[in-house]
Amino acid sequence: MTVALDQGPHEPHSPDAALRRLDALARRAASRGARLLVCPEMSLTGYNIAERIPALAEPADGPLAAEVGRIAAATGVAILHGFPELRGPHVHNSASLVSSTGETLATYRKTHLYGDLDRAWFTPGGTPVVQATVDGVRIGVLICYDVEFPEMARAHALAGTELLLVPTALMSPYDFVADTLVPARAYENQLHVAYVNRCGDEADLHYCGRSCLIGPDGTELLRAGDGEELLVGDVDPAAGHAARRDNTQLADRRPELYPGLAQALRA
């Protein structure tokens, strides 16, 4: 499956402007043979928008989702987009995967909230593994800080995820997450990881870019710099099967030795 990664800048804009940009990007991705377009965290509204979050929040089946579905169906490209999700009395930092025919396949809610901005405005999600299938590839979703917890990527590996999508808003000086930690997650779990960041400035945040697609053997298949790019590359599920033959870490696990791994740390 051919995948496109959107590393774009944030500019003060409305969701309508973000949708116009998404439409153009999906058409560019389709022209390059992509079947899936992955956008950054909170791609439809901006991430560092603080008090605007409640006003822009919508249900997962709201007007924004309908417009993304229209774009996906018109271009034949599945789309992962990020947005503030209104769910009952709660607002979540969410990402929805929309099929190439415009159907919402899955919605993931960020489970590990980072810093004051996340914690002030969002309720954490409670479902660690959310999956859907696109073109025969089993896809899972995490958001930003989630991938920094090894248990989350491992849960996806054990659930059969082949391609893990991680939209993010990684700021400087944390480039090492994109450069070191993300490849390690792919290698230790033998799955593809698409890590898709913003670039440029948004209020007082500077995003470091460095979006990447990492193969299940840790190979860097795509890597962006710090500017705007649309990266396009291929995901081959057979590579995951080959990686698990060569790297037997998953098969060699001995869970009986660490049953208390998820217990709270003691002081």
Protein backbone atom coordinates (compact mmCIF):
# COMPACT_ATOMS: atom_id res chain seq x y z
CA MET A 1 0.00 0.00 0.00
CA THR A 2 1.28 3.46 -0.90
CA VAL A 3 1.06 5.97 1.97
CA ALA A 4 1.40 9.77 1.97
CA LEU A 5 2.57 11.72 5.03
CA ASP A 6 1.55 15.38 5.33
CA GLN A 7 4.15 17.43 7.18
CA GLY A 8 2.64 20.88 7.00
CA PRO A 9 2.95 24.23 8.78
CA HIS A 10 0.32 25.70 11.02
CA GLU A 11 -1.05 29.01 9.91
CA PRO A 12 -3.88 30.81 11.71
CA HIS A 13 -6.88 29.52 9.87
CA SER A 14 -10.40 28.21 10.16
CA PRO A 15 -11.37 24.56 9.77
CA ASP A 16 -12.77 25.57 6.37
CA ALA A 17 -9.28 26.62 5.27
CA ALA A 18 -7.85 23.39 6.66
CA LEU A 19 -10.39 21.41 4.64
CA ARG A 20 -9.44 23.27 1.45
CA ARG A 21 -5.80 22.43 2.09
CA LEU A 22 -6.72 18.81 2.80
CA ASP A 23 -8.62 18.58 -0.48
CA ALA A 24 -5.57 19.81 -2.41
CA LEU A 25 -3.25 17.47 -0.51
CA ALA A 26 -5.48 14.44 -1.10
CA ARG A 27 -5.48 15.19 -4.83
CA ARG A 28 -1.68 15.49 -4.83
CA ALA A 29 -1.39 12.25 -2.88
CA ALA A 30 -3.73 10.47 -5.29
CA SER A 31 -1.71 11.71 -8.28
CA ARG A 32 1.35 10.04 -6.73
CA GLY A 33 -0.45 6.75 -6.24
CA ALA A 34 -1.18 7.03 -2.52
CA ARG A 35 -4.06 5.05 -1.06
CA LEU A 36 -3.79 6.59 2.43
CA LEU A 37 -3.01 10.15 3.55
CA VAL A 38 -1.88 10.65 7.16
CA CYS A 39 -2.19 14.15 8.66
CA PRO A 40 -0.68 15.56 11.89
CA GLU A 41 -2.29 15.80 15.32
CA MET A 42 -5.34 18.11 15.39
CA SER A 43 -4.85 18.74 11.67
CA LEU A 44 -8.25 20.36 11.09
CA THR A 45 -8.03 23.03 13.79
CA GLY A 46 -4.44 23.48 14.90
CA TYR A 47 -3.04 22.06 18.13
CA ASN A 48 -1.89 24.99 20.26
CA ILE A 49 -5.23 26.80 20.20
CA ALA A 50 -6.15 26.64 23.92
CA GLU A 51 -9.50 28.33 24.61
CA ARG A 52 -10.67 27.84 21.00
CA ILE A 53 -10.79 24.07 21.53
CA PRO A 54 -14.30 23.83 23.06
CA ALA A 55 -15.79 26.05 20.37
CA LEU A 56 -14.25 24.00 17.55
CA ALA A 57 -14.98 20.58 19.04
CA GLU A 58 -17.41 18.39 17.07
CA PRO A 59 -18.73 14.84 17.33
CA ALA A 60 -16.86 12.19 15.36
CA ASP A 61 -19.76 12.15 12.89
CA GLY A 62 -20.10 15.94 12.71
CA PRO A 63 -19.79 18.37 9.78
CA LEU A 64 -15.98 18.20 9.68
CA ALA A 65 -16.08 14.42 9.41
CA ALA A 66 -18.64 14.67 6.62
CA GLU A 67 -16.37 17.00 4.66
CA VAL A 68 -13.35 14.74 5.13
CA GLY A 69 -15.49 11.83 3.92
CA ARG A 70 -16.44 13.82 0.84
CA ILE A 71 -12.78 14.57 0.08
CA ALA A 72 -11.78 10.94 0.58
CA ALA A 73 -14.54 9.67 -1.71
CA ALA A 74 -13.77 12.28 -4.38
CA THR A 75 -10.07 11.43 -4.48
CA GLY A 76 -10.16 7.71 -3.69
CA VAL A 77 -7.68 8.20 -0.84
CA ALA A 78 -8.28 7.07 2.75
CA ILE A 79 -7.49 9.85 5.24
CA LEU A 80 -6.42 9.97 8.88
CA HIS A 81 -7.26 13.41 10.29
CA GLY A 82 -7.05 14.94 13.75
CA PHE A 83 -9.62 17.11 15.53
CA PRO A 84 -11.06 18.00 18.95
CA GLU A 85 -13.90 15.53 19.45
CA LEU A 86 -17.01 16.44 21.42
CA ARG A 87 -18.32 13.27 23.09
CA GLY A 88 -21.07 13.87 25.60
CA PRO A 89 -19.71 16.30 28.20
CA HIS A 90 -16.11 15.53 27.24
CA VAL A 91 -13.67 16.81 24.63
CA HIS A 92 -11.01 14.40 23.39
CA ASN A 93 -7.88 14.87 21.29
CA SER A 94 -8.94 12.45 18.55
CA ALA A 95 -8.00 11.08 15.15
CA SER A 96 -10.41 9.44 12.73
CA LEU A 97 -9.56 7.11 9.87
CA VAL A 98 -11.86 7.59 6.86
CA SER A 99 -12.01 5.06 4.03
CA SER A 100 -11.49 5.87 0.35
CA THR A 101 -15.26 5.72 -0.04
CA GLY A 102 -15.87 8.27 2.73
CA GLU A 103 -16.85 5.95 5.59
CA THR A 104 -15.40 6.55 9.07
CA LEU A 105 -13.64 3.30 9.93
CA ALA A 106 -12.27 4.12 13.38
CA THR A 107 -11.80 6.96 15.86
CA TYR A 108 -8.97 6.92 18.39
CA ARG A 109 -8.86 9.19 21.45
CA LYS A 110 -5.46 10.15 22.83
CA THR A 111 -4.89 8.18 26.02
CA HIS A 112 -1.74 9.85 27.42
CA LEU A 113 -2.14 13.60 27.76
CA TYR A 114 1.03 15.71 27.53
CA GLY A 115 1.64 18.92 29.42
CA ASP A 116 -0.65 21.69 30.54
CA LEU A 117 -2.31 22.25 27.17
CA ASP A 118 -3.56 18.68 26.79
CA ARG A 119 -4.53 18.32 30.42
CA ALA A 120 -6.38 21.64 30.58
CA TRP A 121 -8.66 20.98 27.61
CA PHE A 122 -8.95 17.23 26.95
CA THR A 123 -10.28 14.12 28.60
CA PRO A 124 -8.02 11.09 28.06
CA GLY A 125 -9.34 8.20 26.02
CA GLY A 126 -9.65 4.76 27.57
CA THR A 127 -9.14 2.38 24.65
CA PRO A 128 -5.48 1.54 23.95
CA VAL A 129 -5.89 -0.36 20.68
CA VAL A 130 -8.09 0.95 17.87
CA GLN A 131 -7.74 -0.75 14.48
CA ALA A 132 -9.22 -0.82 10.98
CA THR A 133 -8.26 -2.38 7.66
CA VAL A 134 -7.39 -0.41 4.52
CA ASP A 135 -6.46 -2.26 1.32
CA GLY A 136 -5.86 -5.44 3.31
CA VAL A 137 -3.43 -3.76 5.75
CA ARG A 138 -4.29 -3.86 9.45
CA ILE A 139 -3.90 -0.28 10.70
CA GLY A 140 -3.68 1.00 14.27
CA VAL A 141 -3.64 4.56 15.61
CA LEU A 142 -1.87 6.32 18.46
CA ILE A 143 -1.45 10.08 18.97
CA CYS A 144 1.82 11.85 19.78
CA TYR A 145 2.85 11.18 23.41
CA ASP A 146 1.16 7.75 23.32
CA VAL A 147 4.00 6.25 21.28
CA GLU A 148 6.51 7.21 23.97
CA PHE A 149 5.02 4.50 26.19
CA PRO A 150 6.40 1.13 25.03
CA GLU A 151 3.34 -0.70 26.30
CA MET A 152 1.13 1.05 23.74
CA ALA A 153 3.09 -0.02 20.66
CA ARG A 154 3.53 -3.51 22.13
CA ALA A 155 -0.24 -3.81 22.61
CA HIS A 156 -0.67 -3.04 18.91
CA ALA A 157 1.94 -5.60 17.91
CA LEU A 158 0.21 -8.28 19.97
CA ALA A 159 -3.16 -7.30 18.44
CA GLY A 160 -1.84 -7.76 14.90
CA THR A 161 -1.34 -4.14 13.80
CA GLU A 162 0.82 -4.00 10.65
CA LEU A 163 0.96 -0.22 10.17
CA LEU A 164 0.84 2.07 13.21
CA LEU A 165 -0.18 5.65 12.42
CA VAL A 166 1.04 8.29 14.88
CA PRO A 167 -0.08 11.86 14.13
CA THR A 168 1.86 14.22 16.37
CA ALA A 169 2.67 17.83 17.27
CA LEU A 170 6.27 17.30 18.36
CA MET A 171 8.07 20.50 19.23
CA SER A 172 11.74 21.35 19.60
CA PRO A 173 13.92 20.30 21.39
CA TYR A 174 12.43 16.79 21.40
CA ASP A 175 13.68 15.72 17.96
CA PHE A 176 15.10 12.53 19.51
CA VAL A 177 11.57 11.14 19.76
CA ALA A 178 11.22 11.19 15.99
CA ASP A 179 14.84 10.23 15.27
CA THR A 180 15.52 7.55 17.90
CA LEU A 181 12.45 6.45 19.80
CA VAL A 182 10.07 5.94 16.86
CA PRO A 183 12.50 3.68 14.92
CA ALA A 184 13.01 1.69 18.13
CA ARG A 185 9.24 1.18 18.47
CA ALA A 186 9.05 -0.14 14.90
CA TYR A 187 12.02 -2.48 15.37
CA GLU A 188 11.09 -3.89 18.77
CA ASN A 189 7.53 -4.63 17.62
CA GLN A 190 8.22 -5.54 13.98
CA LEU A 191 5.61 -3.23 12.51
CA HIS A 192 5.60 -0.21 10.22
CA VAL A 193 5.27 3.16 11.98
CA ALA A 194 4.15 6.34 10.18
CA TYR A 195 4.99 9.28 12.46
CA VAL A 196 3.55 12.51 11.05
CA ASN A 197 4.45 15.86 12.59
CA ARG A 198 3.80 19.55 11.99
CA CYS A 199 6.48 22.05 11.07
CA GLY A 200 6.96 25.77 11.63
CA ASP A 201 5.56 27.86 14.49
CA GLU A 202 2.19 27.96 16.22
CA ALA A 203 1.89 30.61 18.93
CA ASP A 204 4.81 29.86 21.27
CA LEU A 205 5.52 26.36 19.95
CA HIS A 206 8.09 25.50 17.29
CA TYR A 207 7.45 22.14 15.64
CA CYS A 208 10.54 20.20 14.62
CA GLY A 209 9.18 18.24 11.64
CA ARG A 210 11.18 15.01 11.17
CA SER A 211 8.12 13.02 10.03
CA CYS A 212 9.04 9.49 9.03
CA LEU A 213 7.93 6.08 7.84
CA ILE A 214 9.91 3.31 9.53
CA GLY A 215 9.91 -0.31 8.41
CA PRO A 216 9.42 -3.26 10.77
CA ASP A 217 13.16 -3.98 10.77
CA GLY A 218 13.90 -0.41 11.85
CA THR A 219 14.79 0.76 8.34
CA GLU A 220 14.05 4.43 7.61
CA LEU A 221 11.84 4.34 4.52
CA LEU A 222 10.92 8.04 4.50
CA ARG A 223 12.27 11.00 6.47
CA ALA A 224 11.34 14.66 6.27
CA GLY A 225 13.46 17.61 7.28
CA ASP A 226 12.08 20.56 9.25
CA GLY A 227 10.01 22.15 6.45
CA GLU A 228 6.78 21.45 4.62
CA GLU A 229 6.78 18.14 2.72
CA LEU A 230 4.40 15.54 1.33
CA LEU A 231 6.25 12.24 1.64
CA VAL A 232 5.03 9.21 -0.30
CA GLY A 233 6.25 5.64 0.19
CA ASP A 234 5.18 2.02 0.30
CA VAL A 235 4.13 -0.27 3.13
CA ASP A 236 4.60 -3.98 2.44
CA PRO A 237 2.95 -6.30 5.00
CA ALA A 238 5.30 -9.08 3.89
CA ALA A 239 8.15 -7.04 5.39
CA GLY A 240 6.57 -7.45 8.80
CA HIS A 241 6.42 -11.23 8.44
CA ALA A 242 10.06 -11.28 7.32
CA ALA A 243 11.10 -9.06 10.23
CA ARG A 244 9.47 -11.42 12.71
CA ARG A 245 11.36 -14.36 11.22
CA ASP A 246 14.67 -12.51 11.59
CA ASN A 247 13.95 -10.76 14.88
CA THR A 248 12.29 -13.19 17.28
CA GLN A 249 11.83 -10.82 20.22
CA LEU A 250 8.04 -11.10 20.22
CA ALA A 251 8.12 -14.89 20.07
CA ASP A 252 10.84 -15.03 22.75
CA ARG A 253 8.92 -12.99 25.31
CA ARG A 254 8.35 -14.64 28.73
CA PRO A 255 5.33 -12.79 30.15
CA GLU A 256 5.33 -15.00 33.26
CA LEU A 257 8.53 -13.25 34.37
CA TYR A 258 7.02 -9.76 34.40
CA PRO A 259 3.32 -10.06 35.29
CA GLY A 260 3.46 -6.87 37.38
CA LEU A 261 4.86 -4.67 34.61
CA ALA A 262 1.76 -2.46 34.55
CA GLN A 263 1.59 -1.94 38.31
CA ALA A 264 2.10 1.53 39.69
CA LEU A 265 5.69 2.43 40.56
CA ARG A 266 6.47 2.44 44.25
CA ALA A 267 8.38 5.36 45.73
